[in-house]
C-alpha atoms as a PDB file:
ATOM      1  CA  MET A   1       0.000   0.000   0.000  1.00  0.00           C
ATOM      2  CA  THR A   2       1.059   3.559  -0.674  1.00  0.00           C
ATOM      3  CA  GLY A   3      -0.367   5.848   2.001  1.00  0.00           C
ATOM      4  CA  THR A   4      -4.100   5.211   1.860  1.00  0.00           C
ATOM      5  CA  SER A   5      -4.119   4.262  -1.824  1.00  0.00           C
ATOM      6  CA  PRO A   6      -4.010   0.591  -2.799  1.00  0.00           C
ATOM      7  CA  LEU A   7      -0.977  -0.451  -4.812  1.00  0.00           C
ATOM      8  CA  SER A   8      -1.859  -1.370  -8.393  1.00  0.00           C
ATOM      9  CA  PHE A   9       0.324  -2.189 -11.369  1.00  0.00           C
ATOM     10  CA  ILE A  10      -0.604  -1.642 -15.019  1.00  0.00           C
ATOM     11  CA  VAL A  11       1.562  -3.902 -17.167  1.00  0.00           C
ATOM     12  CA  MET A  12       1.393  -2.496 -20.693  1.00  0.00           C
ATOM     13  CA  GLY A  13       2.664  -2.984 -24.211  1.00  0.00           C
ATOM     14  CA  PRO A  14       1.531  -4.139 -27.639  1.00  0.00           C
ATOM     15  CA  ALA A  15       0.312  -7.642 -28.457  1.00  0.00           C
ATOM     16  CA  GLY A  16       2.989 -10.220 -27.753  1.00  0.00           C
ATOM     17  CA  SER A  17       4.929  -8.136 -25.226  1.00  0.00           C
ATOM     18  CA  GLY A  18       4.153 -10.498 -22.340  1.00  0.00           C
ATOM     19  CA  LYS A  19       1.636  -8.463 -20.357  1.00  0.00           C
ATOM     20  CA  THR A  20      -0.326 -11.479 -19.138  1.00  0.00           C
ATOM     21  CA  THR A  21       2.676 -13.631 -18.279  1.00  0.00           C
ATOM     22  CA  VAL A  22       4.585 -10.861 -16.474  1.00  0.00           C
ATOM     23  CA  GLY A  23       1.392  -9.618 -14.826  1.00  0.00           C
ATOM     24  CA  GLN A  24       0.597 -13.061 -13.452  1.00  0.00           C
ATOM     25  CA  VAL A  25       4.101 -13.399 -11.990  1.00  0.00           C
ATOM     26  CA  LEU A  26       3.879  -9.915 -10.458  1.00  0.00           C
ATOM     27  CA  ALA A  27       0.473 -10.765  -8.981  1.00  0.00           C
ATOM     28  CA  ARG A  28       1.827 -13.984  -7.493  1.00  0.00           C
ATOM     29  CA  LEU A  29       4.809 -12.190  -5.923  1.00  0.00           C
ATOM     30  CA  THR A  30       2.692  -9.393  -4.437  1.00  0.00           C
ATOM     31  CA  GLY A  31      -0.399 -11.417  -3.531  1.00  0.00           C
ATOM     32  CA  LEU A  32      -2.545  -9.110  -5.666  1.00  0.00           C
ATOM     33  CA  GLN A  33      -5.309 -10.187  -8.036  1.00  0.00           C
ATOM     34  CA  PHE A  34      -4.433 -10.284 -11.757  1.00  0.00           C
ATOM     35  CA  LEU A  35      -6.901  -8.966 -14.310  1.00  0.00           C
ATOM     36  CA  ASP A  36      -6.459  -9.268 -18.069  1.00  0.00           C
ATOM     37  CA  ALA A  37      -7.885  -6.260 -19.906  1.00  0.00           C
ATOM     38  CA  ASP A  38      -8.776  -8.558 -22.806  1.00  0.00           C
ATOM     39  CA  ASP A  39     -11.487 -10.062 -20.608  1.00  0.00           C
ATOM     40  CA  PHE A  40     -13.210  -6.655 -20.478  1.00  0.00           C
ATOM     41  CA  HIS A  41     -13.678  -6.221 -24.246  1.00  0.00           C
ATOM     42  CA  ASP A  42     -17.233  -6.504 -25.474  1.00  0.00           C
ATOM     43  CA  PRO A  43     -18.051  -9.226 -28.042  1.00  0.00           C
ATOM     44  CA  SER A  44     -18.164  -6.787 -30.974  1.00  0.00           C
ATOM     45  CA  ALA A  45     -14.639  -5.543 -30.200  1.00  0.00           C
ATOM     46  CA  ILE A  46     -13.345  -9.112 -29.950  1.00  0.00           C
ATOM     47  CA  ALA A  47     -14.979  -9.986 -33.270  1.00  0.00           C
ATOM     48  CA  LYS A  48     -13.435  -6.914 -34.871  1.00  0.00           C
ATOM     49  CA  MET A  49      -9.934  -7.730 -33.615  1.00  0.00           C
ATOM     50  CA  SER A  50     -10.352 -11.397 -34.593  1.00  0.00           C
ATOM     51  CA  ARG A  51     -10.813 -10.194 -38.169  1.00  0.00           C
ATOM     52  CA  GLY A  52      -7.581  -8.187 -37.864  1.00  0.00           C
ATOM     53  CA  THR A  53      -9.422  -4.856 -37.737  1.00  0.00           C
ATOM     54  CA  PRO A  54      -7.970  -2.358 -35.259  1.00  0.00           C
ATOM     55  CA  LEU A  55     -10.293  -0.809 -32.703  1.00  0.00           C
ATOM     56  CA  THR A  56     -11.324   2.812 -32.996  1.00  0.00           C
ATOM     57  CA  GLU A  57     -11.251   5.364 -30.201  1.00  0.00           C
ATOM     58  CA  GLU A  58     -15.026   4.858 -29.886  1.00  0.00           C
ATOM     59  CA  ASP A  59     -14.486   1.101 -29.469  1.00  0.00           C
ATOM     60  CA  ARG A  60     -11.869   1.639 -26.772  1.00  0.00           C
ATOM     61  CA  ALA A  61     -13.677   4.270 -24.662  1.00  0.00           C
ATOM     62  CA  PRO A  62     -16.168   1.965 -22.862  1.00  0.00           C
ATOM     63  CA  TRP A  63     -13.474  -0.687 -22.418  1.00  0.00           C
ATOM     64  CA  LEU A  64     -11.104   1.804 -20.795  1.00  0.00           C
ATOM     65  CA  ALA A  65     -13.950   3.077 -18.602  1.00  0.00           C
ATOM     66  CA  ARG A  66     -14.630  -0.473 -17.355  1.00  0.00           C
ATOM     67  CA  LEU A  67     -10.939  -0.954 -16.572  1.00  0.00           C
ATOM     68  CA  ALA A  68     -10.682   2.399 -14.780  1.00  0.00           C
ATOM     69  CA  LEU A  69     -13.681   1.455 -12.655  1.00  0.00           C
ATOM     70  CA  GLU A  70     -11.979  -1.805 -11.632  1.00  0.00           C
ATOM     71  CA  LEU A  71      -8.839   0.099 -10.639  1.00  0.00           C
ATOM     72  CA  ASP A  72     -10.794   2.809  -8.826  1.00  0.00           C
ATOM     73  CA  THR A  73     -12.961   0.441  -6.812  1.00  0.00           C
ATOM     74  CA  THR A  74     -10.357  -2.084  -5.696  1.00  0.00           C
ATOM     75  CA  ALA A  75      -9.780  -1.895  -1.977  1.00  0.00           C
ATOM     76  CA  ARG A  76      -6.701  -4.068  -2.062  1.00  0.00           C
ATOM     77  CA  GLY A  77      -4.953  -3.205  -5.324  1.00  0.00           C
ATOM     78  CA  LEU A  78      -4.437  -5.347  -8.394  1.00  0.00           C
ATOM     79  CA  VAL A  79      -2.231  -6.114 -11.372  1.00  0.00           C
ATOM     80  CA  LEU A  80      -3.798  -5.233 -14.726  1.00  0.00           C
ATOM     81  CA  GLY A  81      -2.395  -6.460 -18.026  1.00  0.00           C
ATOM     82  CA  CYS A  82      -3.522  -3.876 -20.580  1.00  0.00           C
ATOM     83  CA  SER A  83      -2.137  -2.567 -23.862  1.00  0.00           C
ATOM     84  CA  ALA A  84      -2.611   1.076 -22.696  1.00  0.00           C
ATOM     85  CA  LEU A  85      -0.747   2.206 -25.814  1.00  0.00           C
ATOM     86  CA  ARG A  86      -1.476   5.934 -25.693  1.00  0.00           C
ATOM     87  CA  ALA A  87      -0.799   8.418 -22.920  1.00  0.00           C
ATOM     88  CA  ASN A  88      -4.462   9.451 -22.789  1.00  0.00           C
ATOM     89  CA  TYR A  89      -5.486   5.792 -22.268  1.00  0.00           C
ATOM     90  CA  ARG A  90      -3.064   5.610 -19.358  1.00  0.00           C
ATOM     91  CA  GLN A  91      -4.479   8.857 -17.997  1.00  0.00           C
ATOM     92  CA  THR A  92      -7.975   7.314 -18.126  1.00  0.00           C
ATOM     93  CA  LEU A  93      -6.568   4.395 -16.111  1.00  0.00           C
ATOM     94  CA  GLY A  94      -5.242   6.860 -13.534  1.00  0.00           C
ATOM     95  CA  THR A  95      -1.553   6.069 -13.841  1.00  0.00           C
ATOM     96  CA  ASP A  96      -0.816   9.483 -12.330  1.00  0.00           C
ATOM     97  CA  ARG A  97      -2.623   8.597  -9.091  1.00  0.00           C
ATOM     98  CA  PRO A  98      -0.868   7.563  -5.894  1.00  0.00           C
ATOM     99  CA  GLY A  99      -0.274   3.847  -5.694  1.00  0.00           C
ATOM    100  CA  ARG A 100      -0.508   3.200  -9.460  1.00  0.00           C
ATOM    101  CA  ARG A 101       2.636   1.905 -11.134  1.00  0.00           C
ATOM    102  CA  LEU A 102       3.092   1.668 -14.887  1.00  0.00           C
ATOM    103  CA  VAL A 103       5.202  -1.183 -16.271  1.00  0.00           C
ATOM    104  CA  TYR A 104       5.921  -0.798 -20.004  1.00  0.00           C
ATOM    105  CA  LEU A 105       7.345  -3.961 -21.549  1.00  0.00           C
ATOM    106  CA  HIS A 106       9.649  -2.906 -24.358  1.00  0.00           C
ATOM    107  CA  VAL A 107      10.155  -5.683 -26.899  1.00  0.00           C
ATOM    108  CA  PRO A 108      11.751  -5.177 -30.350  1.00  0.00           C
ATOM    109  CA  GLU A 109       9.277  -5.435 -33.215  1.00  0.00           C
ATOM    110  CA  GLN A 110      10.880  -8.519 -34.775  1.00  0.00           C
ATOM    111  CA  GLU A 111      10.568 -10.353 -31.427  1.00  0.00           C
ATOM    112  CA  LEU A 112       6.906  -9.312 -31.125  1.00  0.00           C
ATOM    113  CA  VAL A 113       6.261 -10.714 -34.616  1.00  0.00           C
ATOM    114  CA  ARG A 114       7.988 -13.982 -33.688  1.00  0.00           C
ATOM    115  CA  ARG A 115       5.980 -14.329 -30.473  1.00  0.00           C
ATOM    116  CA  LEU A 116       2.681 -13.585 -32.207  1.00  0.00           C
ATOM    117  CA  GLN A 117       3.400 -16.119 -34.940  1.00  0.00           C
ATOM    118  CA  GLU A 118       3.903 -18.765 -32.253  1.00  0.00           C
ATOM    119  CA  ARG A 119       0.823 -17.771 -30.231  1.00  0.00           C
ATOM    120  CA  THR A 120      -2.402 -19.675 -30.738  1.00  0.00           C
ATOM    121  CA  GLY A 121      -5.936 -19.237 -29.463  1.00  0.00           C
ATOM    122  CA  HIS A 122      -5.883 -15.468 -28.978  1.00  0.00           C
ATOM    123  CA  PHE A 123      -7.969 -12.951 -30.936  1.00  0.00           C
ATOM    124  CA  ALA A 124      -5.185 -10.326 -31.131  1.00  0.00           C
ATOM    125  CA  GLY A 125      -2.859 -11.687 -33.771  1.00  0.00           C
ATOM    126  CA  SER A 126       0.067 -10.343 -35.747  1.00  0.00           C
ATOM    127  CA  GLY A 127      -2.332  -8.519 -38.105  1.00  0.00           C
ATOM    128  CA  LEU A 128      -2.967  -5.933 -35.362  1.00  0.00           C
ATOM    129  CA  LEU A 129       0.672  -5.335 -34.464  1.00  0.00           C
ATOM    130  CA  ALA A 130       1.418  -2.602 -37.021  1.00  0.00           C
ATOM    131  CA  SER A 131      -1.581  -0.537 -35.902  1.00  0.00           C
ATOM    132  CA  GLN A 132      -0.628  -1.010 -32.248  1.00  0.00           C
ATOM    133  CA  LEU A 133       2.947   0.092 -32.837  1.00  0.00           C
ATOM    134  CA  ALA A 134       1.678   3.137 -34.735  1.00  0.00           C
ATOM    135  CA  LEU A 135      -0.448   4.104 -31.709  1.00  0.00           C
ATOM    136  CA  LEU A 136       2.240   3.405 -29.109  1.00  0.00           C
ATOM    137  CA  GLU A 137       3.360   6.419 -27.118  1.00  0.00           C
ATOM    138  CA  ILE A 138       6.367   5.207 -25.177  1.00  0.00           C
ATOM    139  CA  PRO A 139       6.270   5.974 -21.456  1.00  0.00           C
ATOM    140  CA  SER A 140       9.175   7.363 -19.456  1.00  0.00           C
ATOM    141  CA  GLU A 141      12.436   5.502 -19.090  1.00  0.00           C
ATOM    142  CA  GLU A 142      11.744   4.745 -15.418  1.00  0.00           C
ATOM    143  CA  GLU A 143       8.487   3.025 -16.449  1.00  0.00           C
ATOM    144  CA  THR A 144      10.204   0.993 -19.203  1.00  0.00           C
ATOM    145  CA  TYR A 145      11.394  -2.580 -18.666  1.00  0.00           C
ATOM    146  CA  ASP A 146      13.254  -5.012 -20.909  1.00  0.00           C
ATOM    147  CA  GLY A 147      10.442  -7.226 -22.150  1.00  0.00           C
ATOM    148  CA  THR A 148      12.933  -9.796 -23.460  1.00  0.00           C
ATOM    149  CA  ALA A 149      14.062 -10.715 -19.923  1.00  0.00           C
ATOM    150  CA  THR A 150      12.299 -13.600 -18.207  1.00  0.00           C
ATOM    151  CA  PRO A 151       8.925 -12.805 -16.627  1.00  0.00           C
ATOM    152  CA  GLU A 152      10.417 -13.473 -13.177  1.00  0.00           C
ATOM    153  CA  GLU A 153      13.351 -11.118 -13.824  1.00  0.00           C
ATOM    154  CA  ILE A 154      10.984  -8.385 -14.991  1.00  0.00           C
ATOM    155  CA  ALA A 155       8.659  -8.779 -12.006  1.00  0.00           C
ATOM    156  CA  TRP A 156      11.543  -8.667  -9.513  1.00  0.00           C
ATOM    157  CA  GLU A 157      12.938  -5.585 -11.294  1.00  0.00           C
ATOM    158  CA  VAL A 158       9.539  -3.875 -10.951  1.00  0.00           C
ATOM    159  CA  LEU A 159       9.547  -4.610  -7.234  1.00  0.00           C
ATOM    160  CA  ARG A 160      13.185  -3.555  -6.841  1.00  0.00           C
ATOM    161  CA  ARG A 161      12.680  -0.222  -8.612  1.00  0.00           C
ATOM    162  CA  GLY A 162       9.550   0.472  -6.594  1.00  0.00           C
ATOM    163  CA  ARG A 163      11.224  -0.587  -3.347  1.00  0.00           C
ATOM    164  CA  ILE A 164       8.407  -3.067  -2.817  1.00  0.00           C
ATOM    165  CA  TYR A 165       9.286  -6.119  -0.758  1.00  0.00           C
ATOM    166  CA  PRO A 166       6.733  -8.920  -0.713  1.00  0.00           C
END
């Protein structure tokens, strides 16, 4: 906890960056609940992305509002895996509030492509990567982590930088 605000982490990056895997490790280490932002998309958005069609700002607005509500109403804190590609999306999620930590997983494009080609059973495939990278507004250096390290190494680095000791 940070003061009276619950500690929450937003693990962000484009498709294939490892948000879910790193987020789950971070949740395990901190004892916080993990939420995957993909689970908050409505069926029409999932269908759109499954066809390789990028979401519009209008598609994203209710999704971001649902995620912000989850963050705002948690009493205990949580770990959220969410693309959060643009600064205004992150602002909607309240990353400037006390207790909210942003974790941007930086992964080179060629590695993202490789990971997405190997991934099965997910609606966000390699066809969406170019549009995601075009939208990406890279956060500050202190919020950026090497997404090619192991999920455990990344999670421990997040805790080390934040001086958080589970």
